[in-house]
Amino acid sequence: MKEKEIREKAICGNCGKKFGAAKALWFYVVNIKQYAINVSALKRQSGLEQFFEGNVQIARAMSPDEDLAKLMHKRELTICDTCANEDVRISFLAFEDES
């Protein structure tokens, strides 16, 4: 990672401190993706499996191969080594102010 990229990621998404302040040599770049189940598509797939008497392979071959989950939100953030070794609430970090 080059200096410019490190400077862009220098602040911990959990504690808000520069990761150099922790005096640790480690930091983490984390990608968080939140998905929502597509209930209609899931019901259709389940119905096909029931129609084919539980044969998942045939149901999969006969289905339109649609997405069963939709990406709702994604975020990349840096976590300092100190915070990485503590309990971190992923759902909180995913929607915390990104500015």
Protein backbone atom coordinates (compact mmCIF):
# COMPACT_ATOMS: atom_id res chain seq x y z
CA MET A 1 0.00 0.00 0.00
CA LYS A 2 1.41 3.36 -1.02
CA GLU A 3 1.62 6.42 1.25
CA LYS A 4 -1.34 8.20 -0.38
CA GLU A 5 -3.59 5.18 0.11
CA ILE A 6 -2.47 4.77 3.73
CA ARG A 7 -3.25 8.43 4.43
CA GLU A 8 -6.74 7.97 2.96
CA LYS A 9 -7.35 5.02 5.29
CA ALA A 10 -5.50 6.34 8.36
CA ILE A 11 -8.53 6.84 10.61
CA CYS A 12 -10.14 3.92 12.43
CA GLY A 13 -13.80 3.48 11.53
CA ASN A 14 -14.57 2.37 15.10
CA CYS A 15 -12.71 4.68 17.51
CA GLY A 16 -12.04 7.56 15.09
CA LYS A 17 -8.33 7.77 15.95
CA LYS A 18 -5.48 7.64 13.50
CA PHE A 19 -4.20 4.09 13.57
CA GLY A 20 -0.67 5.36 14.19
CA ALA A 21 -1.88 6.69 17.57
CA ALA A 22 -2.31 3.10 18.74
CA LYS A 23 1.41 2.58 18.14
CA ALA A 24 0.68 -0.76 16.52
CA LEU A 25 2.09 -1.97 13.26
CA TRP A 26 -1.16 -3.62 12.22
CA PHE A 27 -4.42 -2.28 10.82
CA TYR A 28 -7.28 -3.85 8.91
CA VAL A 29 -9.22 -2.73 5.86
CA VAL A 30 -12.67 -4.27 6.12
CA ASN A 31 -15.41 -4.50 3.48
CA ILE A 32 -18.93 -4.71 4.90
CA LYS A 33 -21.82 -5.71 2.66
CA GLN A 34 -25.42 -5.86 3.82
CA TYR A 35 -27.86 -8.03 1.87
CA ALA A 36 -31.64 -8.39 2.03
CA ILE A 37 -33.39 -11.64 1.23
CA ASN A 38 -35.64 -11.48 -1.86
CA VAL A 39 -38.62 -13.24 -0.28
CA SER A 40 -40.54 -13.67 -3.55
CA ALA A 41 -37.58 -15.31 -5.29
CA LEU A 42 -36.93 -17.49 -2.25
CA LYS A 43 -40.57 -18.65 -2.21
CA ARG A 44 -40.40 -19.46 -5.94
CA GLN A 45 -37.22 -21.48 -5.48
CA SER A 46 -38.68 -23.28 -2.47
CA GLY A 47 -41.86 -24.01 -4.41
CA LEU A 48 -39.85 -25.55 -7.25
CA GLU A 49 -37.99 -27.74 -4.77
CA GLN A 50 -41.29 -28.90 -3.31
CA PHE A 51 -42.73 -29.50 -6.79
CA PHE A 52 -39.76 -31.73 -7.63
CA GLU A 53 -40.20 -33.58 -4.30
CA GLY A 54 -37.16 -32.05 -2.61
CA ASN A 55 -34.74 -32.62 -5.50
CA VAL A 56 -32.62 -29.47 -5.25
CA GLN A 57 -30.55 -30.25 -8.36
CA ILE A 58 -33.60 -30.47 -10.65
CA ALA A 59 -35.18 -27.38 -9.08
CA ARG A 60 -31.94 -25.47 -9.59
CA ALA A 61 -31.75 -26.56 -13.25
CA MET A 62 -35.37 -25.52 -13.87
CA SER A 63 -35.21 -22.19 -12.03
CA PRO A 64 -34.47 -18.85 -13.74
CA ASP A 65 -31.29 -18.49 -11.59
CA GLU A 66 -32.40 -15.21 -10.08
CA ASP A 67 -30.76 -13.50 -7.12
CA LEU A 68 -32.12 -14.69 -3.78
CA ALA A 69 -30.54 -11.73 -1.96
CA LYS A 70 -30.04 -8.11 -2.98
CA LEU A 71 -27.08 -5.93 -2.00
CA MET A 72 -28.48 -3.05 0.04
CA HIS A 73 -25.40 -1.27 1.40
CA LYS A 74 -21.65 -1.59 1.24
CA ARG A 75 -18.79 0.20 2.94
CA GLU A 76 -15.04 -0.14 3.23
CA LEU A 77 -13.35 1.09 6.39
CA THR A 78 -10.13 0.81 8.33
CA ILE A 79 -10.02 -0.73 11.80
CA CYS A 80 -6.99 -0.17 14.04
CA ASP A 81 -5.35 -3.13 15.74
CA THR A 82 -6.65 -2.08 19.16
CA CYS A 83 -10.29 -2.07 18.02
CA ALA A 84 -9.82 -5.25 15.99
CA ASN A 85 -9.07 -7.07 19.25
CA GLU A 86 -12.27 -5.83 20.92
CA ASP A 87 -15.96 -6.48 20.31
CA VAL A 88 -17.04 -4.42 17.31
CA ARG A 89 -20.67 -3.97 16.25
CA ILE A 90 -20.62 -4.54 12.50
CA SER A 91 -24.16 -3.21 11.90
CA PHE A 92 -23.22 0.04 13.67
CA LEU A 93 -20.05 0.46 11.60
CA ALA A 94 -21.84 -0.26 8.34
CA PHE A 95 -24.19 2.71 8.74
CA GLU A 96 -22.15 5.13 10.82
CA ASP A 97 -21.62 8.55 9.21
CA GLU A 98 -19.14 7.97 6.38
CA SER A 99 -17.95 11.56 6.05
